[in-house]
Amino acid sequence: MRPVLLALGPWDYSALPVIFVVLFATMLAWQWAEWRYGQGGKLNAARVAITALPAALLSLFFLWGVNKVAPLEIKAWGTMLVVAFTAGGYLISQRADPKVIKPAEAVDLALYCLIGAVIGARVIFVALDWGSYAGHPAKLLNVWEGGLSFHGGLIGAFLAGILFSRRRHKVFWAVADETTPSIALGYSFARIGCFLNGCCHGNPCTLPWAVRFPYSDMPNALVHPTQLYALVTTATIFVILSELRGKMRRPGHLFMIYLMLYSVERFLIEFTRAGATGKYVVAGFWMTEGQLASLGIILVAAIAMALTWKRPPASSVPEEALAAPEPKRSRGKKH
């Protein structure tokens, strides 16, 4: 496979104009996006000219930084993680109900969830595979090498979404439903990164589509390409969620449907998967840690849907209820 997509540097200063143009164009694109969605004011000539100074400084810093650690390797897994959240954020900005989340807020929500997901995913993965990290503490933060737990990432993104909703005075479950298809889409892209990186692979097999990952922990074995299994099934889940969006009875039910669909997929794929979550709960027991977690999520999501099913349907909820009320301010006593 290809865990490193590109190696940058070392460069001489003749590369500086190229770096400047790339960064300048990136900043202009960001400004255009802010202007396009009405958050950045007018896009005038003065603002464009001011962009040149930070672009020049960043160009020098980037050139120095690359040459300092050259060659700078662009990892496949990290790149696809960024692509995943970018695609998810773009989908939210284009399809989400603006009464629930405005297009310009999609970027902020994606950043919240990205940070929360990476932290949560790494913490859970390291906890499940502590024996591999106990003697190598320097590897604890090497997230670019892979080694993230989806369940941990889901918990981290879930908490980040709650924080975002509270800070923006929104109803979390309404936000969750609007972003649910994007979660499935982003996960599909992330699995491409896993396939290129050689992580999250399956057990040895003799099937015609078995794959060898030279840079993995099983470099000489032909194994299940479980990353591709997950890619196909999650893409299918994305299509299903897109069709169901806006048709569920209560806010939060679409998110619960996603949790159950993903957990069924994960439960089945775990039969072919190796790695930290592919370990059995106890020796001699047929269920892995990933399967146990999947069953727990299915049970919790099903109970949550059942308990809220008889409440008024989402369509009858007034629009003003989609945004959480502003906090009341205390008033001082008049004398």
C-alpha atoms as a PDB file:
ATOM      1  CA  MET A   1       0.000   0.000   0.000  1.00  0.00           C
ATOM      2  CA  ARG A   2       1.071   3.648   0.279  1.00  0.00           C
ATOM      3  CA  PRO A   3       1.241   4.979   3.854  1.00  0.00           C
ATOM      4  CA  VAL A   4       3.197   8.051   2.661  1.00  0.00           C
ATOM      5  CA  LEU A   5       1.502   9.962  -0.143  1.00  0.00           C
ATOM      6  CA  LEU A   6       4.175  12.590  -0.666  1.00  0.00           C
ATOM      7  CA  ALA A   7       7.575  13.636   0.695  1.00  0.00           C
ATOM      8  CA  LEU A   8       8.386  17.364   0.717  1.00  0.00           C
ATOM      9  CA  GLY A   9      11.843  18.963   0.779  1.00  0.00           C
ATOM     10  CA  PRO A  10      14.542  19.795   1.236  1.00  0.00           C
ATOM     11  CA  TRP A  11      14.052  22.877  -0.964  1.00  0.00           C
ATOM     12  CA  ASP A  12      16.088  25.944  -1.805  1.00  0.00           C
ATOM     13  CA  TYR A  13      14.681  29.468  -1.747  1.00  0.00           C
ATOM     14  CA  SER A  14      13.657  29.297  -5.402  1.00  0.00           C
ATOM     15  CA  ALA A  15      10.603  27.377  -4.144  1.00  0.00           C
ATOM     16  CA  LEU A  16       9.476  30.381  -2.088  1.00  0.00           C
ATOM     17  CA  PRO A  17       7.338  32.023  -4.836  1.00  0.00           C
ATOM     18  CA  VAL A  18       5.466  28.763  -5.420  1.00  0.00           C
ATOM     19  CA  ILE A  19       4.749  28.331  -1.705  1.00  0.00           C
ATOM     20  CA  PHE A  20       3.615  31.957  -1.493  1.00  0.00           C
ATOM     21  CA  VAL A  21       1.183  31.571  -4.399  1.00  0.00           C
ATOM     22  CA  VAL A  22      -0.304  28.392  -2.913  1.00  0.00           C
ATOM     23  CA  LEU A  23      -0.805  29.932   0.541  1.00  0.00           C
ATOM     24  CA  PHE A  24      -2.092  33.208  -0.886  1.00  0.00           C
ATOM     25  CA  ALA A  25      -4.644  31.343  -3.026  1.00  0.00           C
ATOM     26  CA  THR A  26      -5.691  29.289   0.002  1.00  0.00           C
ATOM     27  CA  MET A  27      -6.282  32.404   2.093  1.00  0.00           C
ATOM     28  CA  LEU A  28      -8.268  34.019  -0.700  1.00  0.00           C
ATOM     29  CA  ALA A  29     -10.420  30.896  -1.016  1.00  0.00           C
ATOM     30  CA  TRP A  30     -11.088  30.994   2.728  1.00  0.00           C
ATOM     31  CA  GLN A  31     -12.036  34.677   2.536  1.00  0.00           C
ATOM     32  CA  TRP A  32     -14.318  33.999  -0.404  1.00  0.00           C
ATOM     33  CA  ALA A  33     -16.064  31.248   1.558  1.00  0.00           C
ATOM     34  CA  GLU A  34     -16.642  33.616   4.487  1.00  0.00           C
ATOM     35  CA  TRP A  35     -17.927  36.314   2.139  1.00  0.00           C
ATOM     36  CA  ARG A  36     -20.075  33.821   0.245  1.00  0.00           C
ATOM     37  CA  TYR A  37     -21.907  32.780   3.406  1.00  0.00           C
ATOM     38  CA  GLY A  38     -22.194  36.284   4.788  1.00  0.00           C
ATOM     39  CA  GLN A  39     -19.818  35.964   7.735  1.00  0.00           C
ATOM     40  CA  GLY A  40     -16.743  37.872   6.642  1.00  0.00           C
ATOM     41  CA  GLY A  41     -18.054  41.225   5.479  1.00  0.00           C
ATOM     42  CA  LYS A  42     -17.263  42.649   2.069  1.00  0.00           C
ATOM     43  CA  LEU A  43     -14.573  41.066  -0.075  1.00  0.00           C
ATOM     44  CA  ASN A  44     -12.762  44.236  -1.163  1.00  0.00           C
ATOM     45  CA  ALA A  45      -9.367  45.009  -2.660  1.00  0.00           C
ATOM     46  CA  ALA A  46      -7.871  46.242   0.608  1.00  0.00           C
ATOM     47  CA  ARG A  47      -8.662  42.999   2.362  1.00  0.00           C
ATOM     48  CA  VAL A  48      -7.141  41.003  -0.486  1.00  0.00           C
ATOM     49  CA  ALA A  49      -3.952  43.083  -0.332  1.00  0.00           C
ATOM     50  CA  ILE A  50      -3.652  42.623   3.432  1.00  0.00           C
ATOM     51  CA  THR A  51      -3.701  38.865   2.872  1.00  0.00           C
ATOM     52  CA  ALA A  52      -0.304  39.063   1.161  1.00  0.00           C
ATOM     53  CA  LEU A  53       1.627  39.817   4.367  1.00  0.00           C
ATOM     54  CA  PRO A  54       0.589  36.739   6.397  1.00  0.00           C
ATOM     55  CA  ALA A  55       0.924  34.625   3.243  1.00  0.00           C
ATOM     56  CA  ALA A  56       4.529  35.792   2.828  1.00  0.00           C
ATOM     57  CA  LEU A  57       5.365  35.146   6.481  1.00  0.00           C
ATOM     58  CA  LEU A  58       3.748  31.719   6.386  1.00  0.00           C
ATOM     59  CA  SER A  59       5.700  30.908   3.211  1.00  0.00           C
ATOM     60  CA  LEU A  60       9.010  31.633   4.923  1.00  0.00           C
ATOM     61  CA  PHE A  61       7.979  29.697   8.021  1.00  0.00           C
ATOM     62  CA  PHE A  62       6.780  26.742   5.926  1.00  0.00           C
ATOM     63  CA  LEU A  63      10.018  26.657   3.905  1.00  0.00           C
ATOM     64  CA  TRP A  64      12.123  26.799   7.077  1.00  0.00           C
ATOM     65  CA  GLY A  65      10.017  24.162   8.811  1.00  0.00           C
ATOM     66  CA  VAL A  66      10.127  21.713   5.922  1.00  0.00           C
ATOM     67  CA  ASN A  67      13.881  22.035   5.509  1.00  0.00           C
ATOM     68  CA  LYS A  68      14.312  21.629   9.260  1.00  0.00           C
ATOM     69  CA  VAL A  69      12.729  18.160   9.247  1.00  0.00           C
ATOM     70  CA  ALA A  70      13.092  17.315   5.532  1.00  0.00           C
ATOM     71  CA  PRO A  71      11.887  15.249   3.965  1.00  0.00           C
ATOM     72  CA  LEU A  72       8.442  16.104   5.385  1.00  0.00           C
ATOM     73  CA  GLU A  73       6.184  13.124   4.807  1.00  0.00           C
ATOM     74  CA  ILE A  74       2.505  13.644   4.026  1.00  0.00           C
ATOM     75  CA  LYS A  75       0.801  10.581   5.492  1.00  0.00           C
ATOM     76  CA  ALA A  76      -2.068   8.901   3.671  1.00  0.00           C
ATOM     77  CA  TRP A  77      -4.093   8.296   6.811  1.00  0.00           C
ATOM     78  CA  GLY A  78      -3.869  11.876   8.094  1.00  0.00           C
ATOM     79  CA  THR A  79      -4.635  13.269   4.656  1.00  0.00           C
ATOM     80  CA  MET A  80      -7.768  11.144   4.303  1.00  0.00           C
ATOM     81  CA  LEU A  81      -8.857  12.138   7.807  1.00  0.00           C
ATOM     82  CA  VAL A  82      -8.759  15.787   6.739  1.00  0.00           C
ATOM     83  CA  VAL A  83     -10.599  14.892   3.512  1.00  0.00           C
ATOM     84  CA  ALA A  84     -13.231  13.041   5.560  1.00  0.00           C
ATOM     85  CA  PHE A  85     -14.009  16.010   7.801  1.00  0.00           C
ATOM     86  CA  THR A  86     -13.843  18.445   4.882  1.00  0.00           C
ATOM     87  CA  ALA A  87     -16.335  16.363   2.897  1.00  0.00           C
ATOM     88  CA  GLY A  88     -18.580  16.007   5.936  1.00  0.00           C
ATOM     89  CA  GLY A  89     -18.474  19.732   6.675  1.00  0.00           C
ATOM     90  CA  TYR A  90     -19.229  20.614   3.060  1.00  0.00           C
ATOM     91  CA  LEU A  91     -22.190  18.242   3.006  1.00  0.00           C
ATOM     92  CA  ILE A  92     -23.570  19.840   6.163  1.00  0.00           C
ATOM     93  CA  SER A  93     -23.198  23.322   4.683  1.00  0.00           C
ATOM     94  CA  GLN A  94     -25.075  22.285   1.542  1.00  0.00           C
ATOM     95  CA  ARG A  95     -27.844  20.046   2.876  1.00  0.00           C
ATOM     96  CA  ALA A  96     -28.481  20.912   6.512  1.00  0.00           C
ATOM     97  CA  ASP A  97     -31.641  22.800   7.414  1.00  0.00           C
ATOM     98  CA  PRO A  98     -30.469  26.422   7.925  1.00  0.00           C
ATOM     99  CA  LYS A  99     -33.002  26.792  10.755  1.00  0.00           C
ATOM    100  CA  VAL A 100     -30.974  24.179  12.649  1.00  0.00           C
ATOM    101  CA  ILE A 101     -27.414  24.920  11.523  1.00  0.00           C
ATOM    102  CA  LYS A 102     -26.375  27.673   9.144  1.00  0.00           C
ATOM    103  CA  PRO A 103     -23.937  26.905   6.294  1.00  0.00           C
ATOM    104  CA  ALA A 104     -21.228  29.107   7.833  1.00  0.00           C
ATOM    105  CA  GLU A 105     -21.504  27.173  11.120  1.00  0.00           C
ATOM    106  CA  ALA A 106     -20.671  23.881   9.408  1.00  0.00           C
ATOM    107  CA  VAL A 107     -16.936  24.635   9.453  1.00  0.00           C
ATOM    108  CA  ASP A 108     -16.991  25.393  13.178  1.00  0.00           C
ATOM    109  CA  LEU A 109     -18.951  22.239  13.932  1.00  0.00           C
ATOM    110  CA  ALA A 110     -16.558  20.133  11.831  1.00  0.00           C
ATOM    111  CA  LEU A 111     -13.559  21.557  13.724  1.00  0.00           C
ATOM    112  CA  TYR A 112     -15.209  20.888  17.092  1.00  0.00           C
ATOM    113  CA  CYS A 113     -15.935  17.293  16.093  1.00  0.00           C
ATOM    114  CA  LEU A 114     -12.520  16.742  14.515  1.00  0.00           C
ATOM    115  CA  ILE A 115     -10.689  17.703  17.695  1.00  0.00           C
ATOM    116  CA  GLY A 116     -13.082  15.755  19.910  1.00  0.00           C
ATOM    117  CA  ALA A 117     -13.016  12.683  17.664  1.00  0.00           C
ATOM    118  CA  VAL A 118      -9.212  12.493  17.444  1.00  0.00           C
ATOM    119  CA  ILE A 119      -8.775  12.863  21.206  1.00  0.00           C
ATOM    120  CA  GLY A 120     -11.497  10.346  22.055  1.00  0.00           C
ATOM    121  CA  ALA A 121     -10.402   7.854  19.408  1.00  0.00           C
ATOM    122  CA  ARG A 122      -6.783   7.915  20.528  1.00  0.00           C
ATOM    123  CA  VAL A 123      -7.599   7.598  24.232  1.00  0.00           C
ATOM    124  CA  ILE A 124      -9.811   4.543  23.713  1.00  0.00           C
ATOM    125  CA  PHE A 125      -7.419   2.873  21.272  1.00  0.00           C
ATOM    126  CA  VAL A 126      -4.432   3.285  23.586  1.00  0.00           C
ATOM    127  CA  ALA A 127      -6.511   2.018  26.514  1.00  0.00           C
ATOM    128  CA  LEU A 128      -7.495  -1.116  24.568  1.00  0.00           C
ATOM    129  CA  ASP A 129      -3.924  -1.762  23.415  1.00  0.00           C
ATOM    130  CA  TRP A 130      -2.022  -0.429  26.434  1.00  0.00           C
ATOM    131  CA  GLY A 131       0.514  -3.247  26.324  1.00  0.00           C
ATOM    132  CA  SER A 132       1.905  -1.900  23.047  1.00  0.00           C
ATOM    133  CA  TYR A 133       2.312   1.641  24.406  1.00  0.00           C
ATOM    134  CA  ALA A 134       3.289   1.111  28.041  1.00  0.00           C
ATOM    135  CA  GLY A 135       6.956   0.690  27.140  1.00  0.00           C
ATOM    136  CA  HIS A 136       6.922   3.332  24.370  1.00  0.00           C
ATOM    137  CA  PRO A 137       5.347   6.513  25.786  1.00  0.00           C
ATOM    138  CA  ALA A 138       6.763   8.567  22.891  1.00  0.00           C
ATOM    139  CA  LYS A 139       4.281   6.826  20.562  1.00  0.00           C
ATOM    140  CA  LEU A 140       1.204   7.892  22.496  1.00  0.00           C
ATOM    141  CA  LEU A 141       0.691  10.996  20.333  1.00  0.00           C
ATOM    142  CA  ASN A 142       1.668   9.489  16.964  1.00  0.00           C
ATOM    143  CA  VAL A 143      -1.870   9.588  15.582  1.00  0.00           C
ATOM    144  CA  TRP A 144      -0.542   9.949  12.017  1.00  0.00           C
ATOM    145  CA  GLU A 145       0.538   6.319  12.201  1.00  0.00           C
ATOM    146  CA  GLY A 146      -3.081   5.228  12.662  1.00  0.00           C
ATOM    147  CA  GLY A 147      -4.376   3.639  15.810  1.00  0.00           C
ATOM    148  CA  LEU A 148      -7.700   5.309  16.498  1.00  0.00           C
ATOM    149  CA  SER A 149     -10.861   3.693  17.781  1.00  0.00           C
ATOM    150  CA  PHE A 150     -14.108   4.575  16.013  1.00  0.00           C
ATOM    151  CA  HIS A 151     -16.110   4.095  19.190  1.00  0.00           C
ATOM    152  CA  GLY A 152     -13.766   6.441  21.038  1.00  0.00           C
ATOM    153  CA  GLY A 153     -13.956   8.932  18.174  1.00  0.00           C
ATOM    154  CA  LEU A 154     -17.743   8.754  18.244  1.00  0.00           C
ATOM    155  CA  ILE A 155     -17.787   9.521  21.967  1.00  0.00           C
ATOM    156  CA  GLY A 156     -15.358  12.414  21.504  1.00  0.00           C
ATOM    157  CA  ALA A 157     -17.312  13.881  18.572  1.00  0.00           C
ATOM    158  CA  PHE A 158     -20.576  13.385  20.490  1.00  0.00           C
ATOM    159  CA  LEU A 159     -19.286  15.410  23.440  1.00  0.00           C
ATOM    160  CA  ALA A 160     -17.848  18.039  21.083  1.00  0.00           C
ATOM    161  CA  GLY A 161     -21.235  18.314  19.368  1.00  0.00           C
ATOM    162  CA  ILE A 162     -22.936  18.876  22.720  1.00  0.00           C
ATOM    163  CA  LEU A 163     -20.399  21.597  23.539  1.00  0.00           C
ATOM    164  CA  PHE A 164     -20.966  23.255  20.157  1.00  0.00           C
ATOM    165  CA  SER A 165     -24.747  23.144  20.590  1.00  0.00           C
ATOM    166  CA  ARG A 166     -24.610  24.639  24.082  1.00  0.00           C
ATOM    167  CA  ARG A 167     -22.278  27.444  23.006  1.00  0.00           C
ATOM    168  CA  ARG A 168     -24.452  28.276  19.979  1.00  0.00           C
ATOM    169  CA  HIS A 169     -27.764  27.814  21.869  1.00  0.00           C
ATOM    170  CA  LYS A 170     -29.018  24.971  19.685  1.00  0.00           C
ATOM    171  CA  VAL A 171     -30.913  21.756  20.351  1.00  0.00           C
ATOM    172  CA  PHE A 172     -28.280  19.044  20.172  1.00  0.00           C
ATOM    173  CA  TRP A 173     -30.488  16.255  18.807  1.00  0.00           C
ATOM    174  CA  ALA A 174     -31.683  18.446  15.938  1.00  0.00           C
ATOM    175  CA  VAL A 175     -28.051  19.233  15.079  1.00  0.00           C
ATOM    176  CA  ALA A 176     -27.143  15.546  15.358  1.00  0.00           C
ATOM    177  CA  ASP A 177     -29.798  14.522  12.834  1.00  0.00           C
ATOM    178  CA  GLU A 178     -28.707  17.155  10.320  1.00  0.00           C
ATOM    179  CA  THR A 179     -25.094  15.982  10.530  1.00  0.00           C
ATOM    180  CA  THR A 180     -25.694  12.220  10.673  1.00  0.00           C
ATOM    181  CA  PRO A 181     -25.336  11.484   6.913  1.00  0.00           C
ATOM    182  CA  SER A 182     -22.067  13.440   6.966  1.00  0.00           C
ATOM    183  CA  ILE A 183     -20.700  11.138   9.663  1.00  0.00           C
ATOM    184  CA  ALA A 184     -21.221   8.117   7.425  1.00  0.00           C
ATOM    185  CA  LEU A 185     -19.709   9.909   4.425  1.00  0.00           C
ATOM    186  CA  GLY A 186     -16.652  11.016   6.380  1.00  0.00           C
ATOM    187  CA  TYR A 187     -16.145   7.538   7.810  1.00  0.00           C
ATOM    188  CA  SER A 188     -16.046   6.122   4.278  1.00  0.00           C
ATOM    189  CA  PHE A 189     -13.186   8.450   3.338  1.00  0.00           C
ATOM    190  CA  ALA A 190     -11.355   7.651   6.575  1.00  0.00           C
ATOM    191  CA  ARG A 191     -11.416   3.935   5.715  1.00  0.00           C
ATOM    192  CA  ILE A 192      -9.632   4.702   2.445  1.00  0.00           C
ATOM    193  CA  GLY A 193      -6.858   6.189   4.587  1.00  0.00           C
ATOM    194  CA  CYS A 194      -6.782   3.034   6.702  1.00  0.00           C
ATOM    195  CA  PHE A 195      -6.444   0.902   3.574  1.00  0.00           C
ATOM    196  CA  LEU A 196      -3.554   3.006   2.237  1.00  0.00           C
ATOM    197  CA  ASN A 197      -1.893   3.009   5.656  1.00  0.00           C
ATOM    198  CA  GLY A 198      -2.301  -0.743   6.168  1.00  0.00           C
ATOM    199  CA  CYS A 199      -3.954  -0.408   9.569  1.00  0.00           C
ATOM    200  CA  CYS A 200      -7.306  -1.877  10.714  1.00  0.00           C
ATOM    201  CA  HIS A 201      -6.789  -4.868   8.423  1.00  0.00           C
ATOM    202  CA  GLY A 202      -8.347  -8.293   8.773  1.00  0.00           C
ATOM    203  CA  ASN A 203      -7.264 -11.780   9.698  1.00  0.00           C
ATOM    204  CA  PRO A 204      -5.353 -14.048   7.286  1.00  0.00           C
ATOM    205  CA  CYS A 205      -7.490 -15.580   4.548  1.00  0.00           C
ATOM    206  CA  THR A 206      -7.177 -17.295   1.167  1.00  0.00           C
ATOM    207  CA  LEU A 207      -9.963 -15.453  -0.657  1.00  0.00           C
ATOM    208  CA  PRO A 208      -9.265 -14.151  -4.192  1.00  0.00           C
ATOM    209  CA  TRP A 209      -9.432 -10.524  -2.989  1.00  0.00           C
ATOM    210  CA  ALA A 210      -7.077 -11.018  -0.041  1.00  0.00           C
ATOM    211  CA  VAL A 211      -4.510  -8.221   0.316  1.00  0.00           C
ATOM    212  CA  ARG A 212      -0.941  -8.051   1.632  1.00  0.00           C
ATOM    213  CA  PHE A 213       0.030  -4.940   3.613  1.00  0.00           C
ATOM    214  CA  PRO A 214       3.867  -4.745   3.598  1.00  0.00           C
ATOM    215  CA  TYR A 215       3.999  -1.966   6.213  1.00  0.00           C
ATOM    216  CA  SER A 216       1.556  -3.497   8.690  1.00  0.00           C
ATOM    217  CA  ASP A 217       2.104  -5.728  11.725  1.00  0.00           C
ATOM    218  CA  MET A 218       1.487  -8.753   9.437  1.00  0.00           C
ATOM    219  CA  PRO A 219       3.647  -7.829   6.414  1.00  0.00           C
ATOM    220  CA  ASN A 220       3.846 -11.281   4.824  1.00  0.00           C
ATOM    221  CA  ALA A 221       0.276 -12.478   5.271  1.00  0.00           C
ATOM    222  CA  LEU A 222      -2.652 -12.275   2.886  1.00  0.00           C
ATOM    223  CA  VAL A 223      -5.510 -10.814   4.929  1.00  0.00           C
ATOM    224  CA  HIS A 224      -9.100  -9.612   4.645  1.00  0.00           C
ATOM    225  CA  PRO A 225      -9.299  -6.008   3.327  1.00  0.00           C
ATOM    226  CA  THR A 226     -11.702  -5.104   6.113  1.00  0.00           C
ATOM    227  CA  GLN A 227     -11.173  -1.410   5.384  1.00  0.00           C
ATOM    228  CA  LEU A 228     -12.820  -1.902   1.986  1.00  0.00           C
ATOM    229  CA  TYR A 229     -15.647  -3.920   3.527  1.00  0.00           C
ATOM    230  CA  ALA A 230     -16.290  -0.972   5.837  1.00  0.00           C
ATOM    231  CA  LEU A 231     -16.020   1.492   2.937  1.00  0.00           C
ATOM    232  CA  VAL A 232     -18.720  -0.268   0.904  1.00  0.00           C
ATOM    233  CA  THR A 233     -21.114  -0.871   3.799  1.00  0.00           C
ATOM    234  CA  THR A 234     -20.739   2.645   5.206  1.00  0.00           C
ATOM    235  CA  ALA A 235     -21.339   4.175   1.775  1.00  0.00           C
ATOM    236  CA  THR A 236     -24.555   2.153   1.667  1.00  0.00           C
ATOM    237  CA  ILE A 237     -25.501   3.436   5.125  1.00  0.00           C
ATOM    238  CA  PHE A 238     -24.874   6.979   3.873  1.00  0.00           C
ATOM    239  CA  VAL A 239     -27.389   6.475   1.056  1.00  0.00           C
ATOM    240  CA  ILE A 240     -29.970   5.070   3.488  1.00  0.00           C
ATOM    241  CA  LEU A 241     -29.527   7.959   5.933  1.00  0.00           C
ATOM    242  CA  SER A 242     -29.778  10.514   3.127  1.00  0.00           C
ATOM    243  CA  GLU A 243     -33.133   9.021   2.122  1.00  0.00           C
ATOM    244  CA  LEU A 244     -34.411   9.009   5.710  1.00  0.00           C
ATOM    245  CA  ARG A 245     -33.293  12.554   6.577  1.00  0.00           C
ATOM    246  CA  GLY A 246     -36.277  14.702   7.471  1.00  0.00           C
ATOM    247  CA  LYS A 247     -38.655  11.721   7.668  1.00  0.00           C
ATOM    248  CA  MET A 248     -38.027  10.553  11.231  1.00  0.00           C
ATOM    249  CA  ARG A 249     -40.549  10.941  14.050  1.00  0.00           C
ATOM    250  CA  ARG A 250     -38.363  12.749  16.575  1.00  0.00           C
ATOM    251  CA  PRO A 251     -35.114  14.773  16.562  1.00  0.00           C
ATOM    252  CA  GLY A 252     -32.320  12.346  17.351  1.00  0.00           C
ATOM    253  CA  HIS A 253     -33.978   9.293  15.808  1.00  0.00           C
ATOM    254  CA  LEU A 254     -31.950   9.502  12.589  1.00  0.00           C
ATOM    255  CA  PHE A 255     -28.782   9.558  14.669  1.00  0.00           C
ATOM    256  CA  MET A 256     -30.008   6.498  16.565  1.00  0.00           C
ATOM    257  CA  ILE A 257     -30.701   4.713  13.276  1.00  0.00           C
ATOM    258  CA  TYR A 258     -27.121   5.425  12.217  1.00  0.00           C
ATOM    259  CA  LEU A 259     -25.731   4.058  15.478  1.00  0.00           C
ATOM    260  CA  MET A 260     -27.682   0.831  15.017  1.00  0.00           C
ATOM    261  CA  LEU A 261     -26.792   0.414  11.318  1.00  0.00           C
ATOM    262  CA  TYR A 262     -23.118   1.051  11.948  1.00  0.00           C
ATOM    263  CA  SER A 263     -23.082  -1.291  14.932  1.00  0.00           C
ATOM    264  CA  VAL A 264     -24.609  -4.116  12.877  1.00  0.00           C
ATOM    265  CA  GLU A 265     -21.976  -3.515  10.201  1.00  0.00           C
ATOM    266  CA  ARG A 266     -19.166  -3.436  12.749  1.00  0.00           C
ATOM    267  CA  PHE A 267     -20.443  -6.549  14.531  1.00  0.00           C
ATOM    268  CA  LEU A 268     -20.284  -8.534  11.269  1.00  0.00           C
ATOM    269  CA  ILE A 269     -16.953  -7.131  10.086  1.00  0.00           C
ATOM    270  CA  GLU A 270     -15.347  -7.952  13.439  1.00  0.00           C
ATOM    271  CA  PHE A 271     -15.484 -11.639  12.482  1.00  0.00           C
ATOM    272  CA  THR A 272     -12.799 -10.898   9.871  1.00  0.00           C
ATOM    273  CA  ARG A 273     -10.866  -8.177  11.666  1.00  0.00           C
ATOM    274  CA  ALA A 274      -7.549  -8.274  13.511  1.00  0.00           C
ATOM    275  CA  GLY A 275      -6.059  -5.630  15.782  1.00  0.00           C
ATOM    276  CA  ALA A 276      -6.844  -4.092  19.159  1.00  0.00           C
ATOM    277  CA  THR A 277     -10.642  -4.322  18.929  1.00  0.00           C
ATOM    278  CA  GLY A 278     -10.390  -7.788  17.361  1.00  0.00           C
ATOM    279  CA  LYS A 279      -9.322  -9.264  20.690  1.00  0.00           C
ATOM    280  CA  TYR A 280     -11.763 -11.544  22.456  1.00  0.00           C
ATOM    281  CA  VAL A 281     -13.444 -10.191  25.579  1.00  0.00           C
ATOM    282  CA  VAL A 282     -12.182 -13.196  27.533  1.00  0.00           C
ATOM    283  CA  ALA A 283     -10.138 -16.176  26.409  1.00  0.00           C
ATOM    284  CA  GLY A 284     -12.292 -18.809  24.746  1.00  0.00           C
ATOM    285  CA  PHE A 285     -15.297 -16.491  24.326  1.00  0.00           C
ATOM    286  CA  TRP A 286     -16.507 -16.008  20.752  1.00  0.00           C
ATOM    287  CA  MET A 287     -17.243 -12.267  20.997  1.00  0.00           C
ATOM    288  CA  THR A 288     -14.617  -9.553  20.524  1.00  0.00           C
ATOM    289  CA  GLU A 289     -14.409  -6.224  22.331  1.00  0.00           C
ATOM    290  CA  GLY A 290     -15.660  -4.446  19.210  1.00  0.00           C
ATOM    291  CA  GLN A 291     -18.679  -6.750  18.973  1.00  0.00           C
ATOM    292  CA  LEU A 292     -19.528  -6.266  22.627  1.00  0.00           C
ATOM    293  CA  ALA A 293     -19.404  -2.487  22.186  1.00  0.00           C
ATOM    294  CA  SER A 294     -21.587  -2.743  19.066  1.00  0.00           C
ATOM    295  CA  LEU A 295     -24.251  -4.763  20.903  1.00  0.00           C
ATOM    296  CA  GLY A 296     -24.254  -2.222  23.712  1.00  0.00           C
ATOM    297  CA  ILE A 297     -24.757   0.665  21.285  1.00  0.00           C
ATOM    298  CA  ILE A 298     -27.609  -1.154  19.499  1.00  0.00           C
ATOM    299  CA  LEU A 299     -29.355  -1.774  22.822  1.00  0.00           C
ATOM    300  CA  VAL A 300     -28.976   1.814  24.068  1.00  0.00           C
ATOM    301  CA  ALA A 301     -30.092   3.338  20.737  1.00  0.00           C
ATOM    302  CA  ALA A 302     -33.121   1.025  20.482  1.00  0.00           C
ATOM    303  CA  ILE A 303     -34.211   1.830  24.044  1.00  0.00           C
ATOM    304  CA  ALA A 304     -33.792   5.575  23.427  1.00  0.00           C
ATOM    305  CA  MET A 305     -35.964   5.389  20.307  1.00  0.00           C
ATOM    306  CA  ALA A 306     -38.613   3.301  22.058  1.00  0.00           C
ATOM    307  CA  LEU A 307     -38.852   5.682  25.020  1.00  0.00           C
ATOM    308  CA  THR A 308     -39.303   8.739  22.772  1.00  0.00           C
ATOM    309  CA  TRP A 309     -41.405   7.158  20.031  1.00  0.00           C
ATOM    310  CA  LYS A 310     -44.802   8.229  21.428  1.00  0.00           C
ATOM    311  CA  ARG A 311     -43.837  11.881  21.745  1.00  0.00           C
ATOM    312  CA  PRO A 312     -45.140  14.352  19.131  1.00  0.00           C
ATOM    313  CA  PRO A 313     -43.544  13.880  15.701  1.00  0.00           C
ATOM    314  CA  ALA A 314     -40.683  16.167  14.723  1.00  0.00           C
ATOM    315  CA  SER A 315     -42.841  17.873  12.071  1.00  0.00           C
ATOM    316  CA  SER A 316     -45.150  19.223  14.782  1.00  0.00           C
ATOM    317  CA  VAL A 317     -42.342  20.883  16.706  1.00  0.00           C
ATOM    318  CA  PRO A 318     -42.469  24.653  16.084  1.00  0.00           C
ATOM    319  CA  GLU A 319     -39.481  26.211  14.331  1.00  0.00           C
ATOM    320  CA  GLU A 320     -38.581  28.339  17.335  1.00  0.00           C
ATOM    321  CA  ALA A 321     -38.060  25.117  19.338  1.00  0.00           C
ATOM    322  CA  LEU A 322     -35.182  24.071  17.093  1.00  0.00           C
ATOM    323  CA  ALA A 323     -32.954  26.679  18.717  1.00  0.00           C
ATOM    324  CA  ALA A 324     -32.335  26.433  22.433  1.00  0.00           C
ATOM    325  CA  PRO A 325     -33.542  29.478  24.387  1.00  0.00           C
ATOM    326  CA  GLU A 326     -31.081  32.161  25.318  1.00  0.00           C
ATOM    327  CA  PRO A 327     -29.972  31.976  28.960  1.00  0.00           C
ATOM    328  CA  LYS A 328     -31.912  34.253  31.270  1.00  0.00           C
ATOM    329  CA  ARG A 329     -30.025  37.183  32.694  1.00  0.00           C
ATOM    330  CA  SER A 330     -30.465  38.075  36.305  1.00  0.00           C
ATOM    331  CA  ARG A 331     -31.768  41.540  37.013  1.00  0.00           C
ATOM    332  CA  GLY A 332     -30.657  43.619  39.914  1.00  0.00           C
ATOM    333  CA  LYS A 333     -33.193  44.893  42.427  1.00  0.00           C
ATOM    334  CA  LYS A 334     -34.401  48.425  42.036  1.00  0.00           C
ATOM    335  CA  HIS A 335     -34.029  50.709  45.016  1.00  0.00           C
END
